[in-house]
Amino acid sequence: MDQKFYTKFERQLFQYGDRVSYEIELTPDQAEALISSGRYRRSTGYPYEAKQYRRSNADGSCLHLVWRDNVPQLHRDAFDPHASPMSLYMHLSNEARFETATTCALVISLVKLLAR
């Protein structure tokens, strides 16, 4: 992957294996610079109240910027949920299991309520 279009702190995240969860804390100015670069798009995820952005990578992974309580943090997800339905499935089943389980429990509860 050509990393010349990545900042120094973004490149740090590629030094670790796909399955390693490594997160770096950014300054608000660094996070604003990433967002204003046009390479990040709004996204969703956990924690739900945080502002979230993702940058897709050529290898199918993505950089995930989570800005919560005025503290921006950046990590790499092995599967970009915006890349394809299969990538979304892989992300949900490997990296977002808690959110997936919570959503499934909510849907089951809602169906049971509606079935009464």
Protein backbone atom coordinates (compact mmCIF):
# COMPACT_ATOMS: atom_id res chain seq x y z
CA MET A 1 0.00 0.00 0.00
CA ASP A 2 1.34 3.41 -0.97
CA GLN A 3 1.55 5.24 2.33
CA LYS A 4 2.82 8.58 1.06
CA PHE A 5 -0.70 10.02 1.31
CA TYR A 6 -0.93 9.22 5.02
CA THR A 7 0.22 11.32 7.95
CA LYS A 8 2.92 10.05 10.28
CA PHE A 9 0.43 9.05 12.97
CA GLU A 10 -1.82 7.30 10.41
CA ARG A 11 1.17 5.29 9.15
CA GLN A 12 1.85 4.12 12.73
CA LEU A 13 -1.35 2.07 12.61
CA PHE A 14 -0.10 0.02 9.65
CA GLN A 15 2.94 -1.22 11.60
CA TYR A 16 0.77 -3.64 13.54
CA GLY A 17 -0.99 -6.78 12.34
CA ASP A 18 -4.57 -6.56 11.11
CA ARG A 19 -5.91 -8.13 14.27
CA VAL A 20 -4.01 -5.94 16.74
CA SER A 21 -6.14 -3.28 18.36
CA TYR A 22 -3.88 -0.26 18.67
CA GLU A 23 -5.32 3.19 19.27
CA ILE A 24 -3.58 6.53 19.29
CA GLU A 25 -4.86 9.69 20.90
CA LEU A 26 -4.80 12.78 18.69
CA THR A 27 -5.01 16.45 19.45
CA PRO A 28 -8.19 18.20 18.28
CA ASP A 29 -6.08 20.05 15.67
CA GLN A 30 -4.72 16.77 14.27
CA ALA A 31 -8.24 15.32 14.08
CA GLU A 32 -9.58 18.45 12.36
CA ALA A 33 -6.75 18.24 9.82
CA LEU A 34 -7.68 14.63 9.02
CA ILE A 35 -11.37 15.50 8.63
CA SER A 36 -10.68 18.55 6.47
CA SER A 37 -8.39 16.49 4.18
CA GLY A 38 -11.51 15.10 2.49
CA ARG A 39 -10.30 11.51 2.93
CA TYR A 40 -12.54 10.83 5.93
CA ARG A 41 -16.33 10.49 5.83
CA ARG A 42 -18.93 10.51 8.59
CA SER A 43 -19.64 7.09 10.00
CA THR A 44 -21.30 5.32 12.90
CA GLY A 45 -20.14 2.95 15.57
CA TYR A 46 -19.60 2.58 19.26
CA PRO A 47 -19.71 4.69 21.37
CA TYR A 48 -22.89 5.95 19.77
CA GLU A 49 -22.66 9.48 21.16
CA ALA A 50 -19.21 10.07 19.65
CA LYS A 51 -18.52 11.81 16.35
CA GLN A 52 -17.10 9.17 14.03
CA TYR A 53 -15.26 9.24 10.73
CA ARG A 54 -13.67 6.53 8.56
CA ARG A 55 -11.03 6.48 5.86
CA SER A 56 -11.06 3.50 3.51
CA ASN A 57 -7.74 1.84 2.66
CA ALA A 58 -6.82 -0.05 -0.49
CA ASP A 59 -6.34 -3.29 1.47
CA GLY A 60 -9.99 -3.38 2.63
CA SER A 61 -9.27 -2.02 6.09
CA CYS A 62 -10.14 1.45 7.31
CA LEU A 63 -8.92 4.06 9.74
CA HIS A 64 -11.60 4.87 12.31
CA LEU A 65 -11.54 8.27 14.01
CA VAL A 66 -13.67 8.37 17.17
CA TRP A 67 -14.10 11.79 18.76
CA ARG A 68 -15.66 11.55 22.21
CA ASP A 69 -15.63 14.06 25.08
CA ASN A 70 -13.28 16.31 23.08
CA VAL A 71 -10.72 13.48 22.88
CA PRO A 72 -10.14 12.19 19.33
CA GLN A 73 -8.71 8.69 19.00
CA LEU A 74 -7.69 6.86 15.86
CA HIS A 75 -7.47 3.11 15.26
CA ARG A 76 -7.45 0.73 12.31
CA ASP A 77 -10.28 -1.70 11.62
CA ALA A 78 -9.31 -4.80 9.63
CA PHE A 79 -12.62 -4.66 7.75
CA ASP A 80 -14.12 -1.45 6.37
CA PRO A 81 -17.89 -1.63 6.95
CA HIS A 82 -18.45 0.80 4.05
CA ALA A 83 -16.52 -1.25 1.46
CA SER A 84 -19.09 -3.96 0.66
CA PRO A 85 -21.85 -6.05 2.25
CA MET A 86 -19.33 -8.84 2.90
CA SER A 87 -16.89 -6.42 4.53
CA LEU A 88 -19.74 -5.06 6.66
CA TYR A 89 -20.58 -8.62 7.75
CA MET A 90 -16.91 -9.33 8.58
CA HIS A 91 -16.67 -6.09 10.54
CA LEU A 92 -19.82 -6.83 12.52
CA SER A 93 -18.86 -10.44 13.25
CA ASN A 94 -15.20 -9.78 14.10
CA GLU A 95 -14.75 -6.22 15.31
CA ALA A 96 -18.16 -5.05 16.46
CA ARG A 97 -19.57 -8.15 18.15
CA PHE A 98 -20.89 -6.22 21.16
CA GLU A 99 -22.84 -3.80 18.96
CA THR A 100 -24.13 -6.65 16.79
CA ALA A 101 -25.33 -8.64 19.82
CA THR A 102 -26.99 -5.57 21.30
CA THR A 103 -28.77 -4.76 18.04
CA CYS A 104 -29.95 -8.37 17.62
CA ALA A 105 -31.31 -8.42 21.18
CA LEU A 106 -33.14 -5.15 20.51
CA VAL A 107 -34.67 -6.49 17.28
CA ILE A 108 -35.78 -9.73 18.97
CA SER A 109 -37.36 -7.77 21.83
CA LEU A 110 -39.14 -5.48 19.38
CA VAL A 111 -40.50 -8.44 17.38
CA LYS A 112 -41.74 -10.08 20.59
CA LEU A 113 -43.47 -6.85 21.63
CA LEU A 114 -45.14 -6.47 18.25
CA ALA A 115 -46.23 -10.12 18.25
CA ARG A 116 -48.31 -9.68 21.42
